[in-house]
């Protein structure tokens, strides 16, 4: 079974920390630990255990801000993920980092 250490490579990690994620079924905001690298955004429940899920950055088709509550959406063909940082500033940092990787992935997919 994959563990936290399998998803963290200091040379490739773009951003790491906590963020809130709202589920598709359970719509409460849940605090999760996230690791963003150039290929995926992986999230963990309860710290650094086995991953709860991940978002393939090449599958992302949009990253949009929701101004009313400082959250943002990550859209893929299959699902839209609602995310929010611990503060509006942290939301912006996460959104910007994810957007940069999305744009890089989008450019490389077109090449």
PDB file of N, CA and C in Angstrom:
ATOM      1  N   UNK A   1       0.838  -1.180   0.000  1.00  0.00           N
ATOM      2  CA  UNK A   1       0.000   0.000   0.000  1.00  0.00           C
ATOM      3  C   UNK A   1       0.887   1.249   0.000  1.00  0.00           C
ATOM      4  N   UNK A   2       0.550   2.215  -0.842  1.00  0.00           N
ATOM      5  CA  UNK A   2       1.321   3.447  -0.928  1.00  0.00           C
ATOM      6  C   UNK A   2       1.175   4.257   0.354  1.00  0.00           C
ATOM      7  N   UNK A   3       2.235   4.935   0.731  1.00  0.00           N
ATOM      8  CA  UNK A   3       2.236   5.762   1.926  1.00  0.00           C
ATOM      9  C   UNK A   3       2.644   7.185   1.570  1.00  0.00           C
ATOM     10  N   UNK A   4       2.520   8.057   2.542  1.00  0.00           N
ATOM     11  CA  UNK A   4       2.836   9.468   2.381  1.00  0.00           C
ATOM     12  C   UNK A   4       4.201   9.672   1.727  1.00  0.00           C
ATOM     13  N   UNK A   5       5.225   8.982   2.232  1.00  0.00           N
ATOM     14  CA  UNK A   5       6.587   9.179   1.723  1.00  0.00           C
ATOM     15  C   UNK A   5       6.709   8.864   0.235  1.00  0.00           C
ATOM     16  N   UNK A   6       5.807   8.038  -0.295  1.00  0.00           N
ATOM     17  CA  UNK A   6       5.840   7.686  -1.707  1.00  0.00           C
ATOM     18  C   UNK A   6       5.371   8.843  -2.599  1.00  0.00           C
ATOM     19  N   UNK A   7       4.696   9.826  -2.014  1.00  0.00           N
ATOM     20  CA  UNK A   7       4.148  10.935  -2.786  1.00  0.00           C
ATOM     21  C   UNK A   7       4.934  12.224  -2.609  1.00  0.00           C
ATOM     22  N   UNK A   8       5.900  12.223  -1.694  1.00  0.00           N
ATOM     23  CA  UNK A   8       6.671  13.426  -1.427  1.00  0.00           C
ATOM     24  C   UNK A   8       8.080  13.235  -1.956  1.00  0.00           C
ATOM     25  N   UNK A   9       8.433  14.053  -2.895  1.00  0.00           N
ATOM     26  CA  UNK A   9       9.789  14.101  -3.420  1.00  0.00           C
ATOM     27  C   UNK A   9      10.178  15.562  -3.355  1.00  0.00           C
ATOM     28  N   UNK A  10      11.085  15.890  -2.453  1.00  0.00           N
ATOM     29  CA  UNK A  10      11.436  17.291  -2.226  1.00  0.00           C
ATOM     30  C   UNK A  10      11.842  18.008  -3.513  1.00  0.00           C
ATOM     31  N   UNK A  11      12.415  17.288  -4.473  1.00  0.00           N
ATOM     32  CA  UNK A  11      12.827  17.935  -5.723  1.00  0.00           C
ATOM     33  C   UNK A  11      11.631  18.280  -6.593  1.00  0.00           C
ATOM     34  N   UNK A  12      10.520  17.580  -6.417  1.00  0.00           N
ATOM     35  CA  UNK A  12       9.363  17.783  -7.280  1.00  0.00           C
ATOM     36  C   UNK A  12       8.176  18.428  -6.567  1.00  0.00           C
ATOM     37  N   UNK A  13       8.202  18.477  -5.240  1.00  0.00           N
ATOM     38  CA  UNK A  13       7.074  19.030  -4.506  1.00  0.00           C
ATOM     39  C   UNK A  13       7.008  20.534  -4.721  1.00  0.00           C
ATOM     40  N   UNK A  14       5.865  21.004  -5.184  1.00  0.00           N
ATOM     41  CA  UNK A  14       5.645  22.417  -5.437  1.00  0.00           C
ATOM     42  C   UNK A  14       5.073  23.096  -4.193  1.00  0.00           C
ATOM     43  N   UNK A  15       4.140  22.424  -3.538  1.00  0.00           N
ATOM     44  CA  UNK A  15       3.515  22.972  -2.337  1.00  0.00           C
ATOM     45  C   UNK A  15       3.002  21.819  -1.491  1.00  0.00           C
ATOM     46  N   UNK A  16       3.078  22.015  -0.196  1.00  0.00           N
ATOM     47  CA  UNK A  16       2.601  20.999   0.740  1.00  0.00           C
ATOM     48  C   UNK A  16       2.009  21.695   1.950  1.00  0.00           C
ATOM     49  N   UNK A  17       0.904  21.179   2.462  1.00  0.00           N
ATOM     50  CA  UNK A  17       0.286  21.745   3.646  1.00  0.00           C
ATOM     51  C   UNK A  17      -1.164  21.332   3.751  1.00  0.00           C
ATOM     52  N   UNK A  18      -1.913  22.056   4.581  1.00  0.00           N
ATOM     53  CA  UNK A  18      -3.307  21.705   4.801  1.00  0.00           C
ATOM     54  C   UNK A  18      -4.232  22.642   4.038  1.00  0.00           C
ATOM     55  N   UNK A  19      -5.376  22.092   3.704  1.00  0.00           N
ATOM     56  CA  UNK A  19      -6.400  22.828   2.997  1.00  0.00           C
ATOM     57  C   UNK A  19      -7.722  22.114   3.274  1.00  0.00           C
ATOM     58  N   UNK A  20      -8.821  22.830   3.144  1.00  0.00           N
ATOM     59  CA  UNK A  20     -10.138  22.222   3.281  1.00  0.00           C
ATOM     60  C   UNK A  20     -10.626  21.745   1.925  1.00  0.00           C
ATOM     61  N   UNK A  21     -11.285  20.594   1.931  1.00  0.00           N
ATOM     62  CA  UNK A  21     -11.873  20.016   0.721  1.00  0.00           C
ATOM     63  C   UNK A  21     -13.316  19.665   1.029  1.00  0.00           C
ATOM     64  N   UNK A  22     -14.192  20.047   0.119  1.00  0.00           N
ATOM     65  CA  UNK A  22     -15.606  19.696   0.290  1.00  0.00           C
ATOM     66  C   UNK A  22     -15.903  18.526  -0.620  1.00  0.00           C
ATOM     67  N   UNK A  23     -16.470  17.486  -0.050  1.00  0.00           N
ATOM     68  CA  UNK A  23     -16.758  16.276  -0.804  1.00  0.00           C
ATOM     69  C   UNK A  23     -17.976  16.403  -1.693  1.00  0.00           C
ATOM     70  N   UNK A  24     -18.061  15.511  -2.664  1.00  0.00           N
ATOM     71  CA  UNK A  24     -19.200  15.485  -3.587  1.00  0.00           C
ATOM     72  C   UNK A  24     -20.448  14.954  -2.890  1.00  0.00           C
ATOM     73  N   UNK A  25     -20.271  14.008  -1.973  1.00  0.00           N
ATOM     74  CA  UNK A  25     -21.413  13.410  -1.273  1.00  0.00           C
ATOM     75  C   UNK A  25     -21.589  14.063   0.090  1.00  0.00           C
ATOM     76  N   UNK A  26     -20.550  14.056   0.911  1.00  0.00           N
ATOM     77  CA  UNK A  26     -20.579  14.743   2.196  1.00  0.00           C
ATOM     78  C   UNK A  26     -20.073  16.163   1.944  1.00  0.00           C
ATOM     79  N   UNK A  27     -20.967  17.130   1.981  1.00  0.00           N
ATOM     80  CA  UNK A  27     -20.612  18.488   1.566  1.00  0.00           C
ATOM     81  C   UNK A  27     -20.040  19.353   2.693  1.00  0.00           C
ATOM     82  N   UNK A  28     -19.696  18.739   3.822  1.00  0.00           N
ATOM     83  CA  UNK A  28     -19.003  19.480   4.872  1.00  0.00           C
ATOM     84  C   UNK A  28     -17.559  19.724   4.443  1.00  0.00           C
ATOM     85  N   UNK A  29     -16.988  20.846   4.872  1.00  0.00           N
ATOM     86  CA  UNK A  29     -15.575  21.115   4.607  1.00  0.00           C
ATOM     87  C   UNK A  29     -14.736  20.256   5.544  1.00  0.00           C
ATOM     88  N   UNK A  30     -13.815  19.481   4.998  1.00  0.00           N
ATOM     89  CA  UNK A  30     -12.934  18.603   5.780  1.00  0.00           C
ATOM     90  C   UNK A  30     -11.486  19.050   5.588  1.00  0.00           C
ATOM     91  N   UNK A  31     -10.749  19.148   6.688  1.00  0.00           N
ATOM     92  CA  UNK A  31      -9.345  19.517   6.636  1.00  0.00           C
ATOM     93  C   UNK A  31      -8.523  18.309   6.185  1.00  0.00           C
ATOM     94  N   UNK A  32      -7.711  18.505   5.172  1.00  0.00           N
ATOM     95  CA  UNK A  32      -6.872  17.430   4.632  1.00  0.00           C
ATOM     96  C   UNK A  32      -5.441  17.945   4.449  1.00  0.00           C
ATOM     97  N   UNK A  33      -4.500  17.035   4.463  1.00  0.00           N
ATOM     98  CA  UNK A  33      -3.105  17.360   4.160  1.00  0.00           C
ATOM     99  C   UNK A  33      -2.912  17.131   2.662  1.00  0.00           C
ATOM    100  N   UNK A  34      -2.301  18.092   1.965  1.00  0.00           N
ATOM    101  CA  UNK A  34      -2.123  18.013   0.518  1.00  0.00           C
ATOM    102  C   UNK A  34      -0.657  18.097   0.136  1.00  0.00           C
ATOM    103  N   UNK A  35      -0.313  17.389  -0.938  1.00  0.00           N
ATOM    104  CA  UNK A  35       1.009  17.485  -1.551  1.00  0.00           C
ATOM    105  C   UNK A  35       0.787  17.707  -3.045  1.00  0.00           C
ATOM    106  N   UNK A  36       1.310  18.832  -3.543  1.00  0.00           N
ATOM    107  CA  UNK A  36       1.214  19.159  -4.967  1.00  0.00           C
ATOM    108  C   UNK A  36       2.585  19.006  -5.590  1.00  0.00           C
ATOM    109  N   UNK A  37       2.652  18.166  -6.615  1.00  0.00           N
ATOM    110  CA  UNK A  37       3.877  18.110  -7.400  1.00  0.00           C
ATOM    111  C   UNK A  37       3.508  18.362  -8.857  1.00  0.00           C
ATOM    112  N   UNK A  38       4.425  18.220  -9.747  1.00  0.00           N
ATOM    113  CA  UNK A  38       4.172  18.540 -11.144  1.00  0.00           C
ATOM    114  C   UNK A  38       3.197  17.618 -11.841  1.00  0.00           C
ATOM    115  N   UNK A  39       2.835  16.513 -11.214  1.00  0.00           N
ATOM    116  CA  UNK A  39       1.941  15.548 -11.853  1.00  0.00           C
ATOM    117  C   UNK A  39       0.591  15.415 -11.175  1.00  0.00           C
ATOM    118  N   UNK A  40       0.548  15.615  -9.852  1.00  0.00           N
ATOM    119  CA  UNK A  40      -0.713  15.362  -9.153  1.00  0.00           C
ATOM    120  C   UNK A  40      -0.817  16.151  -7.856  1.00  0.00           C
ATOM    121  N   UNK A  41      -2.053  16.297  -7.417  1.00  0.00           N
ATOM    122  CA  UNK A  41      -2.374  16.860  -6.113  1.00  0.00           C
ATOM    123  C   UNK A  41      -2.931  15.700  -5.297  1.00  0.00           C
ATOM    124  N   UNK A  42      -2.175  15.276  -4.300  1.00  0.00           N
ATOM    125  CA  UNK A  42      -2.553  14.126  -3.479  1.00  0.00           C
ATOM    126  C   UNK A  42      -3.015  14.626  -2.120  1.00  0.00           C
ATOM    127  N   UNK A  43      -4.069  14.008  -1.605  1.00  0.00           N
ATOM    128  CA  UNK A  43      -4.558  14.431  -0.287  1.00  0.00           C
ATOM    129  C   UNK A  43      -4.670  13.240   0.655  1.00  0.00           C
ATOM    130  N   UNK A  44      -4.497  13.579   1.936  1.00  0.00           N
ATOM    131  CA  UNK A  44      -4.419  12.579   2.997  1.00  0.00           C
ATOM    132  C   UNK A  44      -5.377  12.954   4.117  1.00  0.00           C
ATOM    133  N   UNK A  45      -6.055  11.959   4.645  1.00  0.00           N
ATOM    134  CA  UNK A  45      -6.916  12.126   5.807  1.00  0.00           C
ATOM    135  C   UNK A  45      -6.073  11.901   7.048  1.00  0.00           C
ATOM    136  N   UNK A  46      -6.240  12.719   8.046  1.00  0.00           N
ATOM    137  CA  UNK A  46      -5.586  12.460   9.322  1.00  0.00           C
ATOM    138  C   UNK A  46      -4.074  12.461   9.278  1.00  0.00           C
ATOM    139  N   UNK A  47      -3.482  13.362   8.550  1.00  0.00           N
ATOM    140  CA  UNK A  47      -2.030  13.473   8.543  1.00  0.00           C
ATOM    141  C   UNK A  47      -1.383  12.718   7.417  1.00  0.00           C
ATOM    142  N   UNK A  48      -0.323  12.025   7.755  1.00  0.00           N
ATOM    143  CA  UNK A  48       0.535  11.439   6.726  1.00  0.00           C
ATOM    144  C   UNK A  48       0.404   9.926   6.653  1.00  0.00           C
ATOM    145  N   UNK A  49      -0.802   9.478   6.443  1.00  0.00           N
ATOM    146  CA  UNK A  49      -1.073   8.051   6.290  1.00  0.00           C
ATOM    147  C   UNK A  49      -1.179   7.730   4.802  1.00  0.00           C
ATOM    148  N   UNK A  50      -1.883   6.691   4.473  1.00  0.00           N
ATOM    149  CA  UNK A  50      -2.113   6.368   3.059  1.00  0.00           C
ATOM    150  C   UNK A  50      -2.972   7.473   2.444  1.00  0.00           C
ATOM    151  N   UNK A  51      -2.761   7.780   1.174  1.00  0.00           N
ATOM    152  CA  UNK A  51      -3.547   8.853   0.546  1.00  0.00           C
ATOM    153  C   UNK A  51      -5.027   8.518   0.471  1.00  0.00           C
ATOM    154  N   UNK A  52      -5.851   9.548   0.641  1.00  0.00           N
ATOM    155  CA  UNK A  52      -7.299   9.401   0.485  1.00  0.00           C
ATOM    156  C   UNK A  52      -7.689   9.528  -0.978  1.00  0.00           C
ATOM    157  N   UNK A  53      -6.877  10.236  -1.742  1.00  0.00           N
ATOM    158  CA  UNK A  53      -7.157  10.414  -3.161  1.00  0.00           C
ATOM    159  C   UNK A  53      -6.143  11.319  -3.807  1.00  0.00           C
ATOM    160  N   UNK A  54      -6.266  11.467  -5.105  1.00  0.00           N
ATOM    161  CA  UNK A  54      -5.394  12.401  -5.810  1.00  0.00           C
ATOM    162  C   UNK A  54      -6.075  12.906  -7.067  1.00  0.00           C
ATOM    163  N   UNK A  55      -5.592  14.027  -7.538  1.00  0.00           N
ATOM    164  CA  UNK A  55      -6.097  14.650  -8.748  1.00  0.00           C
ATOM    165  C   UNK A  55      -4.943  14.683  -9.737  1.00  0.00           C
ATOM    166  N   UNK A  56      -5.106  14.013 -10.853  1.00  0.00           N
ATOM    167  CA  UNK A  56      -4.104  14.023 -11.908  1.00  0.00           C
ATOM    168  C   UNK A  56      -4.139  15.397 -12.569  1.00  0.00           C
ATOM    169  N   UNK A  57      -3.038  16.128 -12.510  1.00  0.00           N
ATOM    170  CA  UNK A  57      -3.022  17.492 -13.031  1.00  0.00           C
ATOM    171  C   UNK A  57      -3.228  17.539 -14.542  1.00  0.00           C
ATOM    172  N   UNK A  58      -2.925  16.458 -15.250  1.00  0.00           N
ATOM    173  CA  UNK A  58      -3.183  16.437 -16.697  1.00  0.00           C
ATOM    174  C   UNK A  58      -4.667  16.296 -17.007  1.00  0.00           C
ATOM    175  N   UNK A  59      -5.462  15.874 -16.017  1.00  0.00           N
ATOM    176  CA  UNK A  59      -6.905  15.727 -16.204  1.00  0.00           C
ATOM    177  C   UNK A  59      -7.656  17.020 -15.869  1.00  0.00           C
ATOM    178  N   UNK A  60      -6.962  18.005 -15.325  1.00  0.00           N
ATOM    179  CA  UNK A  60      -7.602  19.258 -14.935  1.00  0.00           C
ATOM    180  C   UNK A  60      -7.943  20.073 -16.179  1.00  0.00           C
ATOM    181  N   UNK A  61      -9.191  20.545 -16.224  1.00  0.00           N
ATOM    182  CA  UNK A  61      -9.627  21.362 -17.361  1.00  0.00           C
ATOM    183  C   UNK A  61      -9.930  22.797 -16.945  1.00  0.00           C
ATOM    184  N   UNK A  62      -9.829  23.093 -15.646  1.00  0.00           N
ATOM    185  CA  UNK A  62     -10.045  24.460 -15.195  1.00  0.00           C
ATOM    186  C   UNK A  62      -9.812  24.625 -13.710  1.00  0.00           C
ATOM    187  N   UNK A  63      -9.368  25.826 -13.335  1.00  0.00           N
ATOM    188  CA  UNK A  63      -9.201  26.206 -11.932  1.00  0.00           C
ATOM    189  C   UNK A  63      -9.843  27.581 -11.807  1.00  0.00           C
ATOM    190  N   UNK A  64     -10.903  27.677 -10.993  1.00  0.00           N
ATOM    191  CA  UNK A  64     -11.634  28.930 -10.900  1.00  0.00           C
ATOM    192  C   UNK A  64     -11.846  29.344  -9.452  1.00  0.00           C
ATOM    193  N   UNK A  65     -11.815  30.646  -9.230  1.00  0.00           N
ATOM    194  CA  UNK A  65     -12.011  31.216  -7.906  1.00  0.00           C
ATOM    195  C   UNK A  65     -13.496  31.428  -7.634  1.00  0.00           C
ATOM    196  N   UNK A  66     -13.881  31.191  -6.385  1.00  0.00           N
ATOM    197  CA  UNK A  66     -15.231  31.505  -5.926  1.00  0.00           C
ATOM    198  C   UNK A  66     -15.072  32.674  -4.957  1.00  0.00           C
ATOM    199  N   UNK A  67     -15.391  33.859  -5.414  1.00  0.00           N
ATOM    200  CA  UNK A  67     -15.104  35.066  -4.632  1.00  0.00           C
ATOM    201  C   UNK A  67     -15.908  35.167  -3.343  1.00  0.00           C
ATOM    202  N   UNK A  68     -17.091  34.599  -3.295  1.00  0.00           N
ATOM    203  CA  UNK A  68     -17.966  34.772  -2.131  1.00  0.00           C
ATOM    204  C   UNK A  68     -17.386  34.196  -0.839  1.00  0.00           C
ATOM    205  N   UNK A  69     -16.588  33.131  -0.936  1.00  0.00           N
ATOM    206  CA  UNK A  69     -16.047  32.526   0.288  1.00  0.00           C
ATOM    207  C   UNK A  69     -14.565  32.178   0.205  1.00  0.00           C
ATOM    208  N   UNK A  70     -13.852  32.776  -0.741  1.00  0.00           N
ATOM    209  CA  UNK A  70     -12.403  32.561  -0.908  1.00  0.00           C
ATOM    210  C   UNK A  70     -12.039  31.117  -1.223  1.00  0.00           C
ATOM    211  N   UNK A  71     -12.995  30.341  -1.692  1.00  0.00           N
ATOM    212  CA  UNK A  71     -12.681  28.973  -2.105  1.00  0.00           C
ATOM    213  C   UNK A  71     -12.381  28.976  -3.601  1.00  0.00           C
ATOM    214  N   UNK A  72     -12.041  27.820  -4.119  1.00  0.00           N
ATOM    215  CA  UNK A  72     -11.820  27.687  -5.554  1.00  0.00           C
ATOM    216  C   UNK A  72     -12.205  26.288  -5.984  1.00  0.00           C
ATOM    217  N   UNK A  73     -12.388  26.134  -7.272  1.00  0.00           N
ATOM    218  CA  UNK A  73     -12.801  24.857  -7.842  1.00  0.00           C
ATOM    219  C   UNK A  73     -11.718  24.340  -8.776  1.00  0.00           C
ATOM    220  N   UNK A  74     -11.471  23.045  -8.688  1.00  0.00           N
ATOM    221  CA  UNK A  74     -10.592  22.360  -9.632  1.00  0.00           C
ATOM    222  C   UNK A  74     -11.503  21.449 -10.447  1.00  0.00           C
ATOM    223  N   UNK A  75     -11.577  21.696 -11.740  1.00  0.00           N
ATOM    224  CA  UNK A  75     -12.482  20.930 -12.590  1.00  0.00           C
ATOM    225  C   UNK A  75     -11.701  19.912 -13.417  1.00  0.00           C
ATOM    226  N   UNK A  76     -12.211  18.682 -13.413  1.00  0.00           N
ATOM    227  CA  UNK A  76     -11.714  17.633 -14.297  1.00  0.00           C
ATOM    228  C   UNK A  76     -12.903  17.164 -15.128  1.00  0.00           C
ATOM    229  N   UNK A  77     -12.658  16.281 -16.073  1.00  0.00           N
ATOM    230  CA  UNK A  77     -13.756  15.737 -16.883  1.00  0.00           C
ATOM    231  C   UNK A  77     -14.762  14.986 -16.010  1.00  0.00           C
ATOM    232  N   UNK A  78     -14.259  14.329 -14.955  1.00  0.00           N
ATOM    233  CA  UNK A  78     -15.105  13.465 -14.138  1.00  0.00           C
ATOM    234  C   UNK A  78     -15.732  14.148 -12.927  1.00  0.00           C
ATOM    235  N   UNK A  79     -15.085  15.216 -12.430  1.00  0.00           N
ATOM    236  CA  UNK A  79     -15.520  15.761 -11.140  1.00  0.00           C
ATOM    237  C   UNK A  79     -15.033  17.187 -10.960  1.00  0.00           C
ATOM    238  N   UNK A  80     -15.742  17.933 -10.138  1.00  0.00           N
ATOM    239  CA  UNK A  80     -15.297  19.257  -9.710  1.00  0.00           C
ATOM    240  C   UNK A  80     -14.993  19.181  -8.218  1.00  0.00           C
ATOM    241  N   UNK A  81     -13.798  19.625  -7.847  1.00  0.00           N
ATOM    242  CA  UNK A  81     -13.349  19.607  -6.454  1.00  0.00           C
ATOM    243  C   UNK A  81     -13.455  21.012  -5.880  1.00  0.00           C
ATOM    244  N   UNK A  82     -14.110  21.141  -4.727  1.00  0.00           N
ATOM    245  CA  UNK A  82     -14.192  22.417  -4.017  1.00  0.00           C
ATOM    246  C   UNK A  82     -13.096  22.450  -2.965  1.00  0.00           C
ATOM    247  N   UNK A  83     -12.286  23.509  -2.993  1.00  0.00           N
ATOM    248  CA  UNK A  83     -11.138  23.630  -2.093  1.00  0.00           C
ATOM    249  C   UNK A  83     -11.139  24.996  -1.429  1.00  0.00           C
ATOM    250  N   UNK A  84     -10.497  25.058  -0.261  1.00  0.00           N
ATOM    251  CA  UNK A  84     -10.368  26.330   0.445  1.00  0.00           C
ATOM    252  C   UNK A  84      -9.177  26.250   1.387  1.00  0.00           C
ATOM    253  N   UNK A  85      -8.353  27.271   1.394  1.00  0.00           N
ATOM    254  CA  UNK A  85      -7.241  27.350   2.329  1.00  0.00           C
ATOM    255  C   UNK A  85      -7.739  27.720   3.712  1.00  0.00           C
ATOM    256  N   UNK A  86      -6.842  27.687   4.682  1.00  0.00           N
ATOM    257  CA  UNK A  86      -7.228  28.030   6.061  1.00  0.00           C
ATOM    258  C   UNK A  86      -7.564  29.510   6.203  1.00  0.00           C
ATOM    259  N   UNK A  87      -7.023  30.340   5.314  1.00  0.00           N
ATOM    260  CA  UNK A  87      -7.307  31.776   5.283  1.00  0.00           C
ATOM    261  C   UNK A  87      -7.491  32.171   3.818  1.00  0.00           C
ATOM    262  N   UNK A  88      -8.055  33.343   3.548  1.00  0.00           N
ATOM    263  CA  UNK A  88      -8.147  33.783   2.145  1.00  0.00           C
ATOM    264  C   UNK A  88      -6.776  33.848   1.463  1.00  0.00           C
ATOM    265  N   UNK A  89      -5.749  34.273   2.204  1.00  0.00           N
ATOM    266  CA  UNK A  89      -4.392  34.315   1.644  1.00  0.00           C
ATOM    267  C   UNK A  89      -3.871  32.934   1.280  1.00  0.00           C
ATOM    268  N   UNK A  90      -4.116  31.963   2.153  1.00  0.00           N
ATOM    269  CA  UNK A  90      -3.683  30.585   1.877  1.00  0.00           C
ATOM    270  C   UNK A  90      -4.458  30.009   0.693  1.00  0.00           C
ATOM    271  N   UNK A  91      -5.740  30.353   0.582  1.00  0.00           N
ATOM    272  CA  UNK A  91      -6.521  29.909  -0.585  1.00  0.00           C
ATOM    273  C   UNK A  91      -5.887  30.420  -1.865  1.00  0.00           C
ATOM    274  N   UNK A  92      -5.494  31.697  -1.869  1.00  0.00           N
ATOM    275  CA  UNK A  92      -4.859  32.288  -3.050  1.00  0.00           C
ATOM    276  C   UNK A  92      -3.541  31.601  -3.377  1.00  0.00           C
ATOM    277  N   UNK A  93      -2.739  31.316  -2.353  1.00  0.00           N
ATOM    278  CA  UNK A  93      -1.454  30.635  -2.577  1.00  0.00           C
ATOM    279  C   UNK A  93      -1.675  29.264  -3.224  1.00  0.00           C
ATOM    280  N   UNK A  94      -2.602  28.491  -2.659  1.00  0.00           N
ATOM    281  CA  UNK A  94      -2.884  27.161  -3.197  1.00  0.00           C
ATOM    282  C   UNK A  94      -3.432  27.251  -4.621  1.00  0.00           C
ATOM    283  N   UNK A  95      -4.410  28.135  -4.819  1.00  0.00           N
ATOM    284  CA  UNK A  95      -5.027  28.283  -6.146  1.00  0.00           C
ATOM    285  C   UNK A  95      -3.972  28.661  -7.186  1.00  0.00           C
ATOM    286  N   UNK A  96      -3.109  29.608  -6.846  1.00  0.00           N
ATOM    287  CA  UNK A  96      -2.076  30.045  -7.784  1.00  0.00           C
ATOM    288  C   UNK A  96      -1.096  28.924  -8.113  1.00  0.00           C
ATOM    289  N   UNK A  97      -0.687  28.157  -7.096  1.00  0.00           N
ATOM    290  CA  UNK A  97       0.248  27.045  -7.324  1.00  0.00           C
ATOM    291  C   UNK A  97      -0.398  25.970  -8.199  1.00  0.00           C
ATOM    292  N   UNK A  98      -1.643  25.643  -7.906  1.00  0.00           N
ATOM    293  CA  UNK A  98      -2.356  24.631  -8.698  1.00  0.00           C
ATOM    294  C   UNK A  98      -2.569  25.125 -10.126  1.00  0.00           C
ATOM    295  N   UNK A  99      -2.900  26.406 -10.263  1.00  0.00           N
ATOM    296  CA  UNK A  99      -3.109  26.981 -11.595  1.00  0.00           C
ATOM    297  C   UNK A  99      -1.827  26.927 -12.429  1.00  0.00           C
ATOM    298  N   UNK A 100      -0.683  27.238 -11.808  1.00  0.00           N
ATOM    299  CA  UNK A 100       0.608  27.170 -12.535  1.00  0.00           C
ATOM    300  C   UNK A 100       0.867  25.756 -13.053  1.00  0.00           C
ATOM    301  N   UNK A 101       0.641  24.741 -12.218  1.00  0.00           N
ATOM    302  CA  UNK A 101       0.859  23.354 -12.648  1.00  0.00           C
ATOM    303  C   UNK A 101      -0.145  22.989 -13.736  1.00  0.00           C
ATOM    304  N   UNK A 102      -1.385  23.413 -13.572  1.00  0.00           N
ATOM    305  CA  UNK A 102      -2.419  23.173 -14.592  1.00  0.00           C
ATOM    306  C   UNK A 102      -1.990  23.760 -15.932  1.00  0.00           C
ATOM    307  N   UNK A 103      -1.512  25.008 -15.919  1.00  0.00           N
ATOM    308  CA  UNK A 103      -1.099  25.639 -17.179  1.00  0.00           C
ATOM    309  C   UNK A 103       0.095  24.910 -17.793  1.00  0.00           C
ATOM    310  N   UNK A 104       1.048  24.485 -16.974  1.00  0.00           N
ATOM    311  CA  UNK A 104       2.187  23.716 -17.486  1.00  0.00           C
ATOM    312  C   UNK A 104       1.737  22.394 -18.075  1.00  0.00           C
ATOM    313  N   UNK A 105       0.827  21.710 -17.393  1.00  0.00           N
ATOM    314  CA  UNK A 105       0.314  20.431 -17.880  1.00  0.00           C
ATOM    315  C   UNK A 105      -0.463  20.623 -19.180  1.00  0.00           C
ATOM    316  N   UNK A 106      -1.238  21.710 -19.247  1.00  0.00           N
ATOM    317  CA  UNK A 106      -2.029  22.013 -20.435  1.00  0.00           C
ATOM    318  C   UNK A 106      -1.105  22.281 -21.622  1.00  0.00           C
ATOM    319  N   UNK A 107      -0.045  23.062 -21.389  1.00  0.00           N
ATOM    320  CA  UNK A 107       0.905  23.356 -22.474  1.00  0.00           C
ATOM    321  C   UNK A 107       1.611  22.094 -22.964  1.00  0.00           C
ATOM    322  N   UNK A 108       2.049  21.246 -22.018  1.00  0.00           N
ATOM    323  CA  UNK A 108       2.782  20.040 -22.419  1.00  0.00           C
ATOM    324  C   UNK A 108       1.850  19.054 -23.123  1.00  0.00           C
ATOM    325  N   UNK A 109       0.573  19.060 -22.776  1.00  0.00           N
ATOM    326  CA  UNK A 109      -0.382  18.162 -23.444  1.00  0.00           C
ATOM    327  C   UNK A 109      -0.630  18.596 -24.886  1.00  0.00           C
ATOM    328  N   UNK A 110      -0.527  19.899 -25.140  1.00  0.00           N
ATOM    329  CA  UNK A 110      -0.753  20.421 -26.484  1.00  0.00           C
ATOM    330  C   UNK A 110       0.478  20.249 -27.374  1.00  0.00           C
ATOM    331  N   UNK A 111       1.648  20.069 -26.781  1.00  0.00           N
ATOM    332  CA  UNK A 111       2.892  19.951 -27.563  1.00  0.00           C
ATOM    333  C   UNK A 111       3.029  18.595 -28.209  1.00  0.00           C
TER     334      UNK A 111
END
